Amino acid sequence: MALWSMAKSPLMYGGDLRHLDSSTLSIITNPTLLKINHYSTNNKEYHYVYVERTSNGEHSDHLRSPYHVRLRENDGMVIGLTACSDEKANGWYMLSQDGKPDHICRNYEIQNDKNISFCLGKTEPRLESDVISICNMEYQAKFHLAVTNTDDACLDASASRRRTASENKFLMFSRCRWHAKQIWELNEKGNLVSSYSRLCATMESRNDGTTGARAWVATGSKGEIYLAFFNLDPTSRKMTARISELEKVLGRTFVRKHLCSCTEVWSGKNFGLVKEEISAVVNSHGSTVFEIMC
């Protein structure tokens, strides 16, 4: 409910209201969340969050661009683009099995003397009927790469939505369509070459632990600030936001920026005065919502 309230989405409950337990009742009737949902403004996702794993003591990392595409098979890898002369671009190969379509694969790790591979389904370019004759020769030996077990999401070298500079070198998946952005070829060197950019696909480790964290911010009718942390990861995370960066995002100057009072909405805990930053350990798949007055 915290996310829907911060996003000012319609709130609906699909259970039997006659048999509510006390925990569910306290959530759906939380006065602060209902106030956020009805009366808050400037509701937006907030990208200036510092995230730290609490289980292994890794250093915190700044989350400014949280949308890097991760491979579901391995939480620490992303597909990226690099020059084809880069050694990191090598290693792609075709895997064929009886009764199954060809796959383009890449080994990314060895565990217990076994290669662990990430594979994409190799399909013919999905050309529109009026361009088949024109493009047939041009796209011979080239293909789409679809997400395994689905035929509606293809590897795209340049997504249509705008991305930040730090995201720009990372590939994404989008709806399969006829466009050079989604056409690939595998050369004899083991390079997966984009027909759109002529750059080659690679796989990079990004064990920054940040893609499973999200945050939203909003302002209230009486000057209060609402800050919500969401942890999508299977382990708890320490999440931190800085008061100075909240000012920049909200476009306002806090009168008492070094003496902000802070209360956690779920527990009602009063954190007292906070000077520079607000931090909380958020449980796996949990959320924390703060009401702040500066």
Protein backbone atom coordinates (compact mmCIF):
# COMPACT_ATOMS: atom_id res chain seq x y z
CA MET A 1 0.00 0.00 0.00
CA ALA A 2 2.94 2.33 0.61
CA LEU A 3 3.92 2.42 -3.07
CA TRP A 4 0.37 3.00 -4.31
CA SER A 5 -0.08 5.80 -1.79
CA MET A 6 3.18 7.50 -2.78
CA ALA A 7 2.20 7.21 -6.45
CA LYS A 8 -1.34 8.50 -5.73
CA SER A 9 -2.83 5.43 -7.35
CA PRO A 10 -6.44 4.36 -6.70
CA LEU A 11 -6.62 2.22 -3.57
CA MET A 12 -8.74 -0.92 -3.72
CA TYR A 13 -9.13 -3.86 -1.38
CA GLY A 14 -10.27 -7.23 -2.68
CA GLY A 15 -10.76 -9.16 0.54
CA ASP A 16 -13.77 -9.81 2.73
CA LEU A 17 -14.19 -6.71 4.90
CA ARG A 18 -16.18 -8.71 7.43
CA HIS A 19 -13.18 -10.85 8.32
CA LEU A 20 -10.23 -8.45 8.48
CA ASP A 21 -7.39 -9.25 10.85
CA SER A 22 -5.97 -6.42 12.91
CA SER A 23 -2.75 -6.21 10.89
CA THR A 24 -4.53 -5.80 7.54
CA LEU A 25 -6.97 -3.30 9.03
CA SER A 26 -4.14 -1.17 10.42
CA ILE A 27 -2.45 -1.09 7.00
CA ILE A 28 -5.43 -0.12 4.86
CA THR A 29 -6.63 2.48 7.38
CA ASN A 30 -3.24 4.02 8.13
CA PRO A 31 -4.09 7.74 8.35
CA THR A 32 -0.72 8.98 7.07
CA LEU A 33 -0.77 6.75 3.99
CA LEU A 34 -4.34 7.80 3.22
CA LYS A 35 -3.31 11.45 3.62
CA ILE A 36 -0.38 10.92 1.24
CA ASN A 37 -2.65 9.25 -1.30
CA HIS A 38 -5.29 11.99 -1.18
CA TYR A 39 -3.45 15.26 -0.58
CA SER A 40 0.27 14.97 -1.39
CA THR A 41 1.97 16.68 -4.35
CA ASN A 42 5.30 16.44 -6.20
CA ASN A 43 5.04 12.65 -6.12
CA LYS A 44 7.98 11.14 -7.97
CA GLU A 45 10.53 8.36 -7.90
CA TYR A 46 13.66 9.43 -6.07
CA HIS A 47 17.02 8.24 -7.44
CA TYR A 48 19.48 9.74 -4.95
CA VAL A 49 19.62 6.80 -2.58
CA TYR A 50 22.64 5.11 -1.04
CA VAL A 51 22.27 1.37 -0.58
CA GLU A 52 24.35 -0.94 1.57
CA ARG A 53 24.03 -4.66 2.07
CA THR A 54 23.66 -5.44 5.73
CA SER A 55 24.56 -9.13 5.50
CA ASN A 56 28.12 -8.99 4.19
CA GLY A 57 29.36 -5.50 4.97
CA GLU A 58 29.89 -4.38 1.37
CA HIS A 59 30.44 -0.68 0.82
CA SER A 60 27.43 1.43 0.00
CA ASP A 61 26.89 2.50 -3.59
CA HIS A 62 25.14 5.53 -5.03
CA LEU A 63 21.92 4.69 -6.82
CA ARG A 64 21.38 7.34 -9.49
CA SER A 65 20.39 5.11 -12.40
CA PRO A 66 18.52 2.10 -11.03
CA TYR A 67 17.36 0.58 -14.32
CA HIS A 68 20.35 -1.41 -15.51
CA VAL A 69 19.06 -4.62 -17.04
CA ARG A 70 20.10 -7.64 -15.04
CA LEU A 71 20.09 -11.18 -16.29
CA ARG A 72 17.56 -13.14 -14.28
CA GLU A 73 19.81 -16.19 -14.32
CA ASN A 74 22.52 -14.33 -12.44
CA ASP A 75 21.92 -11.36 -10.17
CA GLY A 76 25.40 -9.98 -10.76
CA MET A 77 25.57 -9.64 -14.56
CA VAL A 78 24.26 -7.27 -17.20
CA ILE A 79 24.49 -7.28 -20.99
CA GLY A 80 26.40 -4.29 -22.34
CA LEU A 81 27.93 -2.90 -25.54
CA THR A 82 31.62 -2.53 -26.25
CA ALA A 83 34.00 -2.25 -29.19
CA CYS A 84 34.29 -5.53 -31.06
CA SER A 85 38.07 -5.42 -30.59
CA ASP A 86 37.54 -5.64 -26.83
CA GLU A 87 38.37 -9.10 -25.47
CA LYS A 88 35.24 -8.93 -23.32
CA ALA A 89 33.16 -9.12 -26.52
CA ASN A 90 34.38 -12.65 -27.32
CA GLY A 91 32.81 -15.88 -26.18
CA TRP A 92 29.34 -15.95 -27.76
CA TYR A 93 28.40 -19.20 -29.49
CA MET A 94 25.45 -20.96 -31.12
CA LEU A 95 23.77 -23.83 -29.30
CA SER A 96 21.54 -26.19 -31.29
CA GLN A 97 19.47 -29.01 -29.85
CA ASP A 98 17.21 -31.51 -31.56
CA GLY A 99 13.64 -30.34 -31.68
CA LYS A 100 14.48 -26.93 -30.23
CA PRO A 101 15.30 -23.64 -31.94
CA ASP A 102 18.88 -22.42 -32.00
CA HIS A 103 20.14 -20.33 -29.12
CA ILE A 104 22.95 -17.81 -28.84
CA CYS A 105 24.76 -18.32 -25.54
CA ARG A 106 27.58 -16.95 -23.46
CA ASN A 107 29.34 -18.62 -20.54
CA TYR A 108 29.74 -16.20 -17.68
CA GLU A 109 30.94 -18.25 -14.74
CA ILE A 110 32.45 -21.59 -13.88
CA GLN A 111 31.30 -23.40 -10.75
CA ASN A 112 32.39 -26.91 -9.81
CA ASP A 113 34.05 -27.32 -13.23
CA LYS A 114 30.77 -26.55 -14.99
CA ASN A 115 30.05 -23.69 -17.38
CA ILE A 116 27.03 -21.59 -16.48
CA SER A 117 25.47 -20.09 -19.59
CA PHE A 118 23.04 -17.34 -20.42
CA CYS A 119 21.13 -18.05 -23.64
CA LEU A 120 18.74 -16.16 -25.90
CA GLY A 121 16.49 -17.72 -28.52
CA LYS A 122 17.64 -17.14 -32.11
CA THR A 123 14.77 -16.26 -34.47
CA GLU A 124 14.51 -14.91 -38.00
CA PRO A 125 14.22 -11.10 -38.30
CA ARG A 126 10.56 -10.13 -38.04
CA LEU A 127 10.30 -8.17 -41.25
CA GLU A 128 7.10 -6.49 -42.32
CA SER A 129 5.61 -7.85 -45.54
CA ASP A 130 6.32 -4.75 -47.62
CA VAL A 131 10.01 -4.73 -46.80
CA ILE A 132 10.78 -8.44 -46.97
CA SER A 133 11.91 -8.38 -50.59
CA ILE A 134 14.05 -5.28 -50.06
CA CYS A 135 15.74 -6.45 -46.89
CA ASN A 136 15.96 -10.18 -47.53
CA MET A 137 19.54 -10.04 -48.80
CA GLU A 138 20.67 -7.46 -46.26
CA TYR A 139 19.51 -9.51 -43.28
CA GLN A 140 20.65 -12.96 -44.37
CA ALA A 141 22.52 -14.70 -41.54
CA LYS A 142 21.19 -12.10 -39.08
CA PHE A 143 18.59 -12.66 -36.40
CA HIS A 144 16.52 -11.48 -33.47
CA LEU A 145 17.40 -12.63 -29.96
CA ALA A 146 14.32 -13.32 -27.88
CA VAL A 147 14.11 -13.91 -24.15
CA THR A 148 13.90 -17.62 -23.47
CA ASN A 149 10.33 -18.94 -23.09
CA THR A 150 8.79 -15.84 -24.64
CA ASP A 151 8.54 -14.53 -28.18
CA ASP A 152 7.57 -10.96 -27.39
CA ALA A 153 10.74 -9.52 -25.83
CA CYS A 154 13.87 -9.10 -27.93
CA LEU A 155 17.35 -7.85 -27.16
CA ASP A 156 17.41 -4.18 -28.15
CA ALA A 157 20.67 -2.26 -28.61
CA SER A 158 18.99 1.09 -28.08
CA ALA A 159 15.69 1.32 -26.24
CA SER A 160 13.17 3.93 -27.34
CA ARG A 161 12.91 5.57 -23.93
CA ARG A 162 15.45 8.18 -22.88
CA ARG A 163 18.22 6.92 -20.65
CA THR A 164 20.87 8.56 -18.53
CA ALA A 165 24.47 8.68 -19.71
CA SER A 166 25.48 5.94 -17.29
CA GLU A 167 22.71 3.68 -18.58
CA ASN A 168 23.38 4.32 -22.24
CA LYS A 169 25.92 1.55 -22.77
CA PHE A 170 23.62 -1.12 -21.33
CA LEU A 171 21.25 -3.09 -23.50
CA MET A 172 17.61 -3.64 -22.81
CA PHE A 173 14.79 -5.91 -23.86
CA SER A 174 11.74 -4.50 -25.59
CA ARG A 175 8.84 -5.68 -27.74
CA CYS A 176 10.07 -7.55 -30.81
CA ARG A 177 9.71 -5.50 -33.99
CA TRP A 178 11.43 -4.85 -37.30
CA HIS A 179 14.28 -2.47 -36.62
CA ALA A 180 18.05 -2.58 -36.97
CA LYS A 181 18.28 -1.98 -33.21
CA GLN A 182 17.12 -5.57 -32.70
CA ILE A 183 19.10 -7.25 -35.48
CA TRP A 184 22.25 -9.18 -34.54
CA GLU A 185 24.82 -11.40 -36.17
CA LEU A 186 27.37 -13.83 -34.78
CA ASN A 187 30.77 -13.67 -36.47
CA GLU A 188 33.55 -16.22 -36.62
CA LYS A 189 35.39 -14.58 -33.71
CA GLY A 190 32.53 -15.25 -31.32
CA ASN A 191 31.33 -11.64 -31.36
CA LEU A 192 27.64 -10.79 -31.18
CA VAL A 193 27.44 -7.73 -33.43
CA SER A 194 24.65 -5.15 -33.42
CA SER A 195 23.49 -4.17 -36.92
CA TYR A 196 22.43 -0.82 -35.48
CA SER A 197 25.65 0.38 -33.87
CA ARG A 198 28.21 -2.17 -35.13
CA LEU A 199 29.27 -2.56 -31.51
CA CYS A 200 29.43 -5.95 -29.85
CA ALA A 201 27.53 -7.37 -26.90
CA THR A 202 29.36 -8.29 -23.74
CA MET A 203 28.50 -9.34 -20.22
CA GLU A 204 29.70 -7.33 -17.25
CA SER A 205 29.62 -7.94 -13.55
CA ARG A 206 27.72 -5.29 -11.61
CA ASN A 207 27.68 -6.51 -8.06
CA ASP A 208 26.69 -3.10 -6.74
CA GLY A 209 23.59 -4.43 -5.04
CA THR A 210 21.50 -1.44 -6.08
CA THR A 211 18.95 -2.53 -8.65
CA GLY A 212 16.68 -4.03 -6.01
CA ALA A 213 16.22 -0.71 -4.22
CA ARG A 214 13.68 1.99 -5.03
CA ALA A 215 12.57 5.20 -3.34
CA TRP A 216 9.73 7.69 -3.77
CA VAL A 217 9.28 11.21 -2.44
CA ALA A 218 6.29 13.55 -2.08
CA THR A 219 5.31 16.72 -0.24
CA GLY A 220 2.33 17.29 2.04
CA SER A 221 -0.15 20.14 2.28
CA LYS A 222 1.47 21.52 5.45
CA GLY A 223 5.07 21.45 4.24
CA GLU A 224 5.88 17.93 5.36
CA ILE A 225 8.04 15.66 3.20
CA TYR A 226 7.27 11.99 2.64
CA LEU A 227 10.12 9.64 1.81
CA ALA A 228 9.57 5.93 1.13
CA PHE A 229 12.21 3.21 0.75
CA PHE A 230 11.39 -0.08 -1.01
CA ASN A 231 13.70 -3.10 -0.88
CA LEU A 232 13.04 -5.59 -3.69
CA ASP A 233 16.00 -7.81 -2.86
CA PRO A 234 15.98 -11.14 -0.99
CA THR A 235 18.24 -9.71 1.74
CA SER A 236 17.87 -6.71 4.02
CA ARG A 237 19.47 -3.43 2.94
CA LYS A 238 20.47 -0.23 4.65
CA MET A 239 19.10 2.68 2.62
CA THR A 240 20.06 6.32 3.07
CA ALA A 241 18.89 9.66 1.66
CA ARG A 242 20.63 12.99 2.16
CA ILE A 243 18.72 16.09 3.20
CA SER A 244 20.67 18.30 0.77
CA GLU A 245 19.68 16.12 -2.19
CA LEU A 246 16.05 16.09 -1.12
CA GLU A 247 16.19 19.89 -1.41
CA LYS A 248 17.46 19.69 -4.98
CA VAL A 249 14.89 17.16 -6.12
CA LEU A 250 11.95 18.98 -4.54
CA GLY A 251 13.18 22.38 -5.72
CA ARG A 252 12.85 24.09 -2.37
CA THR A 253 15.05 25.32 0.46
CA PHE A 254 14.48 23.81 3.87
CA VAL A 255 14.32 26.42 6.61
CA ARG A 256 15.67 23.98 9.18
CA LYS A 257 17.73 21.74 6.93
CA HIS A 258 20.10 20.78 9.75
CA LEU A 259 17.29 20.18 12.25
CA CYS A 260 14.69 18.05 10.46
CA SER A 261 12.32 15.99 12.59
CA CYS A 262 11.57 12.50 11.31
CA THR A 263 8.91 9.91 12.13
CA GLU A 264 8.57 6.42 10.64
CA VAL A 265 4.99 5.90 9.49
CA TRP A 266 4.57 2.14 9.97
CA SER A 267 5.92 1.92 13.50
CA GLY A 268 5.22 5.48 14.61
CA LYS A 269 8.80 5.68 15.89
CA ASN A 270 10.10 9.22 16.34
CA PHE A 271 13.70 9.47 15.14
CA GLY A 272 14.04 12.92 16.65
CA LEU A 273 16.14 15.51 14.84
CA VAL A 274 18.22 14.44 11.85
CA LYS A 275 20.95 16.72 10.54
CA GLU A 276 22.34 15.45 7.25
CA GLU A 277 20.79 12.14 6.25
CA ILE A 278 18.01 9.67 6.92
CA SER A 279 18.83 5.95 7.09
CA ALA A 280 16.93 2.76 7.75
CA VAL A 281 17.49 -0.97 7.44
CA VAL A 282 14.69 -2.23 5.21
CA ASN A 283 13.78 -5.91 5.38
CA SER A 284 13.66 -8.11 2.30
CA HIS A 285 10.71 -7.09 0.08
CA GLY A 286 9.75 -4.55 2.70
CA SER A 287 9.18 -0.81 2.82
CA THR A 288 9.77 2.10 5.17
CA VAL A 289 7.94 5.43 4.98
CA PHE A 290 9.12 8.61 6.71
CA GLU A 291 7.29 11.83 7.48
CA ILE A 292 9.84 14.65 7.66
CA MET A 293 9.52 18.28 8.75
CA CYS A 294 12.40 20.65 7.97
